[in-house]
Amino acid sequence: MTETLTDRRARLMGPNVPTFYRNPVHIVRGEGVWLWDKDGKRYLDCYNNVPHVGHCHPAVVKAIADQAAILNTHTRYHHDLVLDYIEALTARLGHDISQCIMTCTGSEANDIALRMAQAVTGKIGIIATDNTYHGNTTATSALSSRRPPIGGYPAHVRLVPAPDSLRSPDPDGSIFAGHIKAAIEDLNASGIGFSGMMLCPAFANEGIPSVAPGFFAKAEAVIREAGGLILCDEVQPGFGRMGSHFWGHEWLGLTPDVVTCGKPMANGHPAAAVLARPDVMAAFRNAFGYFNTFGGNPVSAAACLATLKVIDDEGLQENAAKTSAYVMDRLRALRHPLLAEVRGVGLFFGAEFVLDENNTPATAFVEDLVEVMVAKGFILNRIGRAGNTLKIRPPLPFGIEHADLLVDALTEALATTKVPA
């Protein structure tokens, strides 16, 4: 009997290794916003933010290959490229953020950010939302709500209710700020103390709720009054995805102490970074011994520099803004009995489906809808606490013509996907 690829994965990788979709897609090639499976079927990539400037962009591929043929080592030796990249990246940041630690993953970057807050404040209490994701290390996974840690959440972690524009409108962020204030008071009363809050400024894993610039202002004031740091996880919203702004925190209008980034910054090559003010960096460096063998290696730095250049040379941030407005217009025109709210900012889009006036999540319907779209040749997925929000997050070259293909197919899929009785 021939072993299936699913069986082979289980044999070699163990159980419960996640894959998208009931019928996993076997991808063998990518180019731009397109993917091809082993049978030659083409898919429009409406979801993957790792190939930020398009799958297999020739400029990034060339930069990786050329540098790999010259030198690849680590930052305990001097080399110029990592410094060139840090200068180029920090030039796009304000708030006196001018120093950087290069890592390989966003999980590593966020783990360092948490320790930076501890080093500055001398406290360990940390706040995040109750429907978020910030990584896979022991420290960052304790902030994530997908699976509670074995033994329960650590005593120093407080998870506050995530913004929910459908069920709990909070236009000025006062409710959200109140939850943060209560969490800080609880941390202090317990003797743990408060070091800071980590958040994605687009609230991407929270289901992309409709919040406006200024939403976080009251929360920021509460955090500052308590002496905590603001740790901005820009892994998803950074590098021009917001369209109107290069960073999510710029769009939201908050002042970060630490910025982390990852997936998009080298277009799929494993690179990530922690960016901070010199005083924050000094506190961390003096409190913790840290070194990352692969972080900031010359090949990664070359890939990062090339990606940054492509964003500028091809006007991809401007394209994100233009495409965003067009997609939102088309999504708002959709009609379906279960469609409760359409949301979006930059090249993030969400469409939430509910079963009734009580906003009961239509989880099974959205799961079926995703499968129908994949069968039609469109890669997307679902998000939110109950997985009932369709999530669309394409690479930055995604244009008007691609948006039309997507929304036309989605219109057809909505008409044919069975509505629960």
Protein backbone atom coordinates (compact mmCIF):
# COMPACT_ATOMS: atom_id res chain seq x y z
CA MET A 1 0.00 0.00 0.00
CA THR A 2 1.36 3.40 -1.02
CA GLU A 3 2.00 5.77 1.87
CA THR A 4 0.16 9.09 1.52
CA LEU A 5 1.91 12.39 2.16
CA THR A 6 -0.38 12.90 5.16
CA ASP A 7 0.68 9.55 6.58
CA ARG A 8 4.33 10.26 5.87
CA ARG A 9 4.11 13.60 7.69
CA ALA A 10 2.56 11.91 10.72
CA ARG A 11 5.23 9.21 10.70
CA LEU A 12 8.10 11.69 10.47
CA MET A 13 6.72 14.79 12.21
CA GLY A 14 4.40 13.31 14.83
CA PRO A 15 0.70 13.91 15.51
CA ASN A 16 -1.28 17.14 15.35
CA VAL A 17 1.10 18.95 13.01
CA PRO A 18 -1.14 21.74 11.69
CA THR A 19 -2.04 22.12 8.04
CA PHE A 20 -4.52 24.44 6.44
CA TYR A 21 -7.74 22.99 5.00
CA ARG A 22 -9.49 19.63 5.11
CA ASN A 23 -7.70 18.63 1.94
CA PRO A 24 -4.18 20.03 2.44
CA VAL A 25 -2.76 21.88 -0.55
CA HIS A 26 0.53 20.47 -1.84
CA ILE A 27 2.34 23.57 -3.10
CA VAL A 28 5.42 23.16 -5.29
CA ARG A 29 6.02 26.60 -6.82
CA GLY A 30 5.29 30.28 -6.28
CA GLU A 31 5.68 33.51 -8.24
CA GLY A 32 4.37 36.93 -7.28
CA VAL A 33 0.86 36.50 -5.88
CA TRP A 34 0.43 33.04 -7.39
CA LEU A 35 1.04 29.51 -6.14
CA TRP A 36 0.92 26.18 -8.02
CA ASP A 37 0.24 22.74 -6.60
CA LYS A 38 1.78 19.43 -7.63
CA ASP A 39 -0.93 18.90 -10.26
CA GLY A 40 -0.31 22.27 -11.88
CA LYS A 41 -3.40 23.99 -10.44
CA ARG A 42 -2.87 27.71 -9.88
CA TYR A 43 -4.00 29.49 -6.72
CA LEU A 44 -4.28 33.21 -6.04
CA ASP A 45 -2.51 33.83 -2.73
CA CYS A 46 -4.82 36.01 -0.67
CA TYR A 47 -3.38 35.06 2.69
CA ASN A 48 0.38 34.69 3.02
CA ASN A 49 2.23 37.67 4.47
CA VAL A 50 5.64 35.97 4.54
CA PRO A 51 6.33 36.49 0.79
CA HIS A 52 5.75 40.18 1.46
CA VAL A 53 6.94 41.49 -1.91
CA GLY A 54 5.72 38.42 -3.81
CA HIS A 55 6.76 34.78 -3.91
CA CYS A 56 10.32 34.23 -5.16
CA HIS A 57 10.94 37.88 -5.98
CA PRO A 58 14.01 37.82 -8.27
CA ALA A 59 15.77 40.71 -6.50
CA VAL A 60 15.55 38.97 -3.13
CA VAL A 61 16.50 35.60 -4.58
CA LYS A 62 19.55 37.16 -6.23
CA ALA A 63 20.60 38.96 -3.04
CA ILE A 64 20.44 35.70 -1.07
CA ALA A 65 22.33 33.69 -3.69
CA ASP A 66 25.01 36.32 -4.25
CA GLN A 67 25.74 36.79 -0.55
CA ALA A 68 25.66 33.05 0.16
CA ALA A 69 28.44 32.67 -2.40
CA ILE A 70 30.61 35.24 -0.59
CA LEU A 71 30.21 34.95 3.18
CA ASN A 72 27.81 33.78 5.87
CA THR A 73 28.80 34.06 9.51
CA HIS A 74 27.48 35.68 12.69
CA THR A 75 27.67 39.00 14.49
CA ARG A 76 30.60 38.13 16.75
CA TYR A 77 32.63 38.95 13.68
CA HIS A 78 32.34 42.38 12.10
CA HIS A 79 30.45 42.69 8.85
CA ASP A 80 28.80 45.69 7.24
CA LEU A 81 25.51 44.38 5.91
CA VAL A 82 23.75 43.94 9.24
CA LEU A 83 24.72 47.49 10.22
CA ASP A 84 23.61 48.82 6.84
CA TYR A 85 20.25 47.16 7.37
CA ILE A 86 19.76 48.40 10.92
CA GLU A 87 20.51 51.95 9.77
CA ALA A 88 18.03 51.63 6.89
CA LEU A 89 15.32 50.15 9.09
CA THR A 90 15.64 52.47 12.08
CA ALA A 91 15.56 55.44 9.70
CA ARG A 92 11.89 54.52 9.21
CA LEU A 93 11.14 54.69 12.93
CA GLY A 94 10.57 57.60 15.26
CA HIS A 95 10.33 57.81 19.05
CA ASP A 96 14.15 57.61 19.42
CA ILE A 97 14.11 53.93 18.42
CA SER A 98 17.57 53.53 16.90
CA GLN A 99 19.04 50.19 18.00
CA CYS A 100 18.32 46.62 17.01
CA ILE A 101 18.87 42.96 17.82
CA MET A 102 18.48 40.66 14.84
CA THR A 103 16.90 37.25 15.42
CA CYS A 104 15.46 34.50 13.21
CA THR A 105 11.80 34.45 14.24
CA GLY A 106 9.14 36.76 15.60
CA SER A 107 8.82 34.45 18.59
CA GLU A 108 12.45 35.13 19.51
CA ALA A 109 11.99 38.85 18.96
CA ASN A 110 8.91 39.01 21.19
CA ASP A 111 10.63 36.93 23.85
CA ILE A 112 13.42 39.53 23.98
CA ALA A 113 10.89 42.37 24.08
CA LEU A 114 9.32 40.86 27.19
CA ARG A 115 12.72 40.70 28.85
CA MET A 116 13.42 44.30 27.85
CA ALA A 117 10.31 45.39 29.77
CA GLN A 118 11.50 43.39 32.77
CA ALA A 119 14.97 44.91 32.59
CA VAL A 120 13.69 48.49 32.43
CA THR A 121 11.03 48.19 35.15
CA GLY A 122 12.40 45.50 37.43
CA LYS A 123 8.93 43.91 37.29
CA ILE A 124 7.63 40.86 35.43
CA GLY A 125 3.86 41.40 35.11
CA ILE A 126 2.75 41.54 31.47
CA ILE A 127 -0.58 42.25 29.77
CA ALA A 128 -1.89 41.10 26.38
CA THR A 129 -5.36 40.60 24.94
CA ASP A 130 -7.30 37.40 25.51
CA ASN A 131 -7.49 36.54 21.80
CA THR A 132 -3.98 37.05 20.50
CA TYR A 133 -0.80 35.31 19.42
CA HIS A 134 2.77 36.48 19.93
CA GLY A 135 4.91 33.40 19.43
CA ASN A 136 5.96 29.89 20.37
CA THR A 137 8.55 30.30 23.14
CA THR A 138 7.55 29.46 26.70
CA ALA A 139 7.25 33.17 27.53
CA THR A 140 5.34 34.25 24.43
CA SER A 141 3.05 31.23 24.29
CA ALA A 142 1.86 32.19 27.79
CA LEU A 143 0.31 35.27 26.17
CA SER A 144 -1.50 33.29 23.51
CA SER A 145 -5.01 32.06 23.95
CA ARG A 146 -5.05 29.24 21.40
CA ARG A 147 -4.11 26.63 23.99
CA PRO A 148 -3.73 27.42 27.70
CA PRO A 149 -0.29 26.48 29.04
CA ILE A 150 0.03 23.21 30.94
CA GLY A 151 -0.63 24.09 34.55
CA GLY A 152 -2.55 27.23 33.61
CA TYR A 153 -1.46 30.75 32.76
CA PRO A 154 1.53 32.01 34.79
CA ALA A 155 0.76 34.30 37.72
CA HIS A 156 2.52 37.24 36.05
CA VAL A 157 0.30 37.21 32.92
CA ARG A 158 -2.97 39.10 32.60
CA LEU A 159 -5.12 38.77 29.47
CA VAL A 160 -7.66 41.57 28.95
CA PRO A 161 -10.74 41.35 26.70
CA ALA A 162 -9.77 42.01 23.09
CA PRO A 163 -11.53 44.75 21.14
CA ASP A 164 -14.71 43.41 19.49
CA SER A 165 -16.35 46.01 17.28
CA LEU A 166 -19.37 43.80 16.57
CA ARG A 167 -20.33 42.76 20.11
CA SER A 168 -18.75 45.43 22.31
CA PRO A 169 -18.36 48.73 20.45
CA ASP A 170 -15.74 50.93 22.11
CA PRO A 171 -15.14 53.87 19.76
CA ASP A 172 -12.74 55.84 21.96
CA GLY A 173 -11.03 52.88 23.63
CA SER A 174 -12.21 53.79 27.11
CA ILE A 175 -13.55 50.29 27.85
CA PHE A 176 -10.30 48.73 26.68
CA ALA A 177 -8.27 51.17 28.79
CA GLY A 178 -10.42 50.30 31.81
CA HIS A 179 -9.62 46.61 31.45
CA ILE A 180 -5.91 47.40 31.25
CA LYS A 181 -6.10 49.62 34.33
CA ALA A 182 -7.81 46.86 36.30
CA ALA A 183 -5.18 44.33 35.19
CA ILE A 184 -2.35 46.63 36.28
CA GLU A 185 -3.98 47.17 39.66
CA ASP A 186 -4.35 43.42 40.09
CA LEU A 187 -0.69 42.79 39.21
CA ASN A 188 0.44 45.43 41.68
CA ALA A 189 -1.90 44.17 44.41
CA SER A 190 -0.53 40.67 44.00
CA GLY A 191 3.03 41.91 44.54
CA ILE A 192 4.11 40.96 41.02
CA GLY A 193 4.23 44.44 39.56
CA PHE A 194 3.71 45.65 36.00
CA SER A 195 6.35 45.68 33.25
CA GLY A 196 4.30 46.46 30.14
CA MET A 197 1.79 45.46 27.50
CA MET A 198 2.41 43.62 24.23
CA LEU A 199 0.01 44.17 21.35
CA CYS A 200 -0.36 43.97 17.61
CA PRO A 201 -1.49 47.49 16.63
CA ALA A 202 -3.78 46.08 13.93
CA PHE A 203 -5.25 43.50 16.34
CA ALA A 204 -4.79 41.02 13.49
CA ASN A 205 -5.21 37.79 15.45
CA GLU A 206 -8.12 39.30 17.34
CA GLY A 207 -10.08 39.27 14.07
CA ILE A 208 -9.12 42.75 12.76
CA PRO A 209 -11.80 44.61 14.76
CA SER A 210 -12.82 48.03 13.52
CA VAL A 211 -10.75 50.44 15.58
CA ALA A 212 -9.68 53.90 14.49
CA PRO A 213 -6.46 55.86 14.96
CA GLY A 214 -6.41 57.15 18.53
CA PHE A 215 -8.19 54.07 19.90
CA PHE A 216 -5.20 53.21 22.09
CA ALA A 217 -4.62 56.73 23.49
CA LYS A 218 -6.41 56.18 26.79
CA ALA A 219 -4.76 52.79 27.25
CA GLU A 220 -1.37 54.32 26.55
CA ALA A 221 -1.96 56.96 29.22
CA VAL A 222 -2.85 54.25 31.75
CA ILE A 223 0.28 52.24 30.89
CA ARG A 224 2.53 55.30 31.10
CA GLU A 225 1.09 56.35 34.44
CA ALA A 226 1.87 52.89 35.78
CA GLY A 227 5.47 53.01 34.49
CA GLY A 228 5.05 50.19 31.98
CA LEU A 229 6.47 49.77 28.49
CA ILE A 230 4.51 49.42 25.25
CA LEU A 231 5.76 46.51 23.16
CA CYS A 232 4.48 46.69 19.57
CA ASP A 233 4.38 43.41 17.67
CA GLU A 234 4.67 44.57 14.05
CA VAL A 235 5.20 41.11 12.58
CA GLN A 236 1.93 41.33 10.66
CA PRO A 237 1.17 45.07 10.17
CA GLY A 238 4.70 46.35 9.58
CA PHE A 239 6.59 47.05 6.35
CA GLY A 240 3.88 48.94 4.49
CA ARG A 241 0.94 46.57 4.87
CA MET A 242 -1.14 49.33 6.44
CA GLY A 243 -0.94 51.25 3.18
CA SER A 244 -1.31 54.69 4.69
CA HIS A 245 1.64 54.08 7.03
CA PHE A 246 4.76 51.92 7.06
CA TRP A 247 4.04 50.71 10.62
CA GLY A 248 0.89 49.71 12.43
CA HIS A 249 1.78 51.84 15.45
CA GLU A 250 2.07 54.90 13.19
CA TRP A 251 -1.44 54.25 11.93
CA LEU A 252 -2.91 53.64 15.38
CA GLY A 253 -1.11 56.67 16.76
CA LEU A 254 0.74 55.17 19.71
CA THR A 255 4.30 55.59 20.98
CA PRO A 256 6.13 52.27 21.33
CA ASP A 257 9.14 51.62 23.52
CA VAL A 258 9.99 48.43 21.64
CA VAL A 259 9.03 47.30 18.13
CA THR A 260 9.32 43.71 16.96
CA CYS A 261 9.12 42.48 13.39
CA GLY A 262 9.60 39.22 11.56
CA LYS A 263 7.88 37.28 8.78
CA PRO A 264 7.75 39.90 5.97
CA MET A 265 11.12 41.54 6.48
CA ALA A 266 13.17 39.14 4.34
CA ASN A 267 10.37 37.86 2.10
CA GLY A 268 10.44 34.34 3.51
CA HIS A 269 14.06 34.05 4.53
CA PRO A 270 14.01 33.48 8.33
CA ALA A 271 14.77 36.88 9.82
CA ALA A 272 13.27 38.97 12.60
CA ALA A 273 14.27 41.91 14.77
CA VAL A 274 13.75 43.76 18.04
CA LEU A 275 14.07 47.55 17.79
CA ALA A 276 14.33 49.79 20.82
CA ARG A 277 15.52 53.08 22.25
CA PRO A 278 19.15 53.10 23.45
CA ASP A 279 18.12 53.28 27.12
CA VAL A 280 15.87 50.24 26.74
CA MET A 281 18.55 48.34 24.84
CA ALA A 282 21.19 49.17 27.46
CA ALA A 283 18.94 47.95 30.26
CA PHE A 284 18.42 44.64 28.44
CA ARG A 285 22.07 44.18 27.50
CA ASN A 286 23.17 44.82 31.08
CA ALA A 287 20.54 42.53 32.61
CA PHE A 288 20.68 39.57 30.20
CA GLY A 289 23.40 37.84 28.27
CA TYR A 290 22.04 37.37 24.74
CA PHE A 291 23.50 36.12 21.49
CA ASN A 292 21.82 34.66 18.41
CA THR A 293 24.04 32.58 16.14
CA PHE A 294 22.01 33.11 12.98
CA GLY A 295 20.40 36.47 13.75
CA GLY A 296 21.89 39.20 11.56
CA ASN A 297 24.02 36.89 9.45
CA PRO A 298 25.16 38.40 6.12
CA VAL A 299 22.75 36.37 3.97
CA SER A 300 19.76 37.36 6.12
CA ALA A 301 20.89 40.99 6.10
CA ALA A 302 21.18 40.92 2.30
CA ALA A 303 17.67 39.48 2.00
CA CYS A 304 16.31 42.13 4.36
CA LEU A 305 17.98 44.98 2.46
CA ALA A 306 16.70 43.67 -0.86
CA THR A 307 13.15 43.37 0.48
CA LEU A 308 13.20 46.91 1.81
CA LYS A 309 14.45 48.19 -1.55
CA VAL A 310 11.73 46.35 -3.47
CA ILE A 311 9.02 47.86 -1.24
CA ASP A 312 10.30 51.31 -2.21
CA ASP A 313 11.23 50.70 -5.84
CA GLU A 314 7.93 49.04 -6.73
CA GLY A 315 5.72 51.39 -4.70
CA LEU A 316 4.23 48.50 -2.77
CA GLN A 317 3.06 50.55 0.22
CA GLU A 318 1.20 52.84 -2.16
CA ASN A 319 -0.22 49.79 -3.93
CA ALA A 320 -1.45 48.47 -0.59
CA ALA A 321 -3.33 51.71 0.06
CA LYS A 322 -4.91 51.74 -3.40
CA THR A 323 -5.89 48.08 -3.36
CA SER A 324 -7.19 48.32 0.20
CA ALA A 325 -9.72 51.01 -0.67
CA TYR A 326 -10.92 49.06 -3.70
CA VAL A 327 -11.27 45.75 -1.83
CA MET A 328 -13.19 47.39 0.99
CA ASP A 329 -15.63 48.96 -1.47
CA ARG A 330 -16.27 45.59 -3.05
CA LEU A 331 -16.55 43.73 0.26
CA ARG A 332 -19.03 46.28 1.61
CA ALA A 333 -21.20 45.59 -1.41
CA LEU A 334 -21.52 41.89 -0.54
CA ARG A 335 -24.90 40.69 0.68
CA HIS A 336 -25.49 37.50 2.65
CA PRO A 337 -27.90 36.63 5.47
CA LEU A 338 -25.07 35.62 7.80
CA LEU A 339 -22.66 38.48 7.01
CA ALA A 340 -22.57 40.69 10.09
CA GLU A 341 -19.57 42.98 9.59
CA VAL A 342 -16.89 43.71 7.02
CA ARG A 343 -13.66 45.14 8.39
CA GLY A 344 -10.30 46.10 7.00
CA VAL A 345 -7.23 48.31 7.19
CA GLY A 346 -4.46 48.25 4.62
CA LEU A 347 -4.08 44.77 3.19
CA PHE A 348 -5.92 43.17 6.12
CA PHE A 349 -9.56 42.26 5.54
CA GLY A 350 -12.10 40.44 7.66
CA ALA A 351 -15.70 39.40 7.08
CA GLU A 352 -17.49 38.09 10.15
CA PHE A 353 -20.45 35.74 9.83
CA VAL A 354 -23.01 35.05 12.58
CA LEU A 355 -26.08 32.84 12.85
CA ASP A 356 -28.56 35.12 14.62
CA GLU A 357 -29.26 38.47 16.25
CA ASN A 358 -27.26 37.31 19.29
CA ASN A 359 -24.16 37.20 17.09
CA THR A 360 -23.69 33.48 17.56
CA PRO A 361 -20.56 32.63 15.55
CA ALA A 362 -21.20 30.90 12.22
CA THR A 363 -18.01 28.89 12.59
CA ALA A 364 -19.00 25.85 10.53
CA PHE A 365 -20.28 28.04 7.71
CA VAL A 366 -17.01 29.98 7.46
CA GLU A 367 -15.02 26.76 7.60
CA ASP A 368 -17.06 25.46 4.65
CA LEU A 369 -16.71 28.79 2.84
CA VAL A 370 -12.93 28.64 3.10
CA GLU A 371 -12.91 25.13 1.66
CA VAL A 372 -15.09 26.25 -1.27
CA MET A 373 -12.73 29.16 -1.99
CA VAL A 374 -9.66 26.94 -1.89
CA ALA A 375 -11.32 24.53 -4.31
CA LYS A 376 -11.87 27.53 -6.60
CA GLY A 377 -8.15 28.35 -6.42
CA PHE A 378 -7.98 31.04 -3.72
CA ILE A 379 -5.76 30.74 -0.65
CA LEU A 380 -7.31 32.40 2.41
CA ASN A 381 -8.36 31.39 5.90
CA ARG A 382 -10.36 32.28 9.00
CA ILE A 383 -9.58 34.07 12.24
CA GLY A 384 -11.18 35.30 15.45
CA ARG A 385 -12.07 33.75 18.77
CA ALA A 386 -14.52 31.31 17.19
CA GLY A 387 -12.94 31.12 13.74
CA ASN A 388 -16.01 32.74 12.17
CA THR A 389 -14.25 35.64 10.47
CA LEU A 390 -12.93 35.19 6.95
CA LYS A 391 -9.35 36.51 6.92
CA ILE A 392 -7.75 37.94 3.81
CA ARG A 393 -4.11 39.11 4.01
CA PRO A 394 -2.38 38.94 0.62
CA PRO A 395 1.20 39.81 -0.37
CA LEU A 396 1.80 43.49 -1.12
CA PRO A 397 1.82 43.19 -4.96
CA PHE A 398 -1.87 42.17 -4.78
CA GLY A 399 -3.61 44.56 -7.18
CA ILE A 400 -7.02 45.62 -8.44
CA GLU A 401 -7.19 42.81 -11.00
CA HIS A 402 -6.48 40.26 -8.28
CA ALA A 403 -9.07 41.85 -6.00
CA ASP A 404 -11.71 41.45 -8.70
CA LEU A 405 -10.85 37.78 -9.14
CA LEU A 406 -11.10 37.26 -5.39
CA VAL A 407 -14.37 39.08 -4.72
CA ASP A 408 -16.06 37.67 -7.82
CA ALA A 409 -15.20 34.15 -6.63
CA LEU A 410 -16.28 35.00 -3.08
CA THR A 411 -19.64 36.23 -4.39
CA GLU A 412 -20.15 32.91 -6.14
CA ALA A 413 -19.01 30.93 -3.09
CA LEU A 414 -21.42 32.78 -0.80
CA ALA A 415 -24.25 31.90 -3.15
CA THR A 416 -23.43 28.20 -3.16
CA THR A 417 -22.14 27.46 0.37
CA LYS A 418 -24.90 25.87 2.42
CA VAL A 419 -26.34 28.03 5.17
CA PRO A 420 -26.97 26.10 8.43
CA ALA A 421 -30.63 25.40 9.09
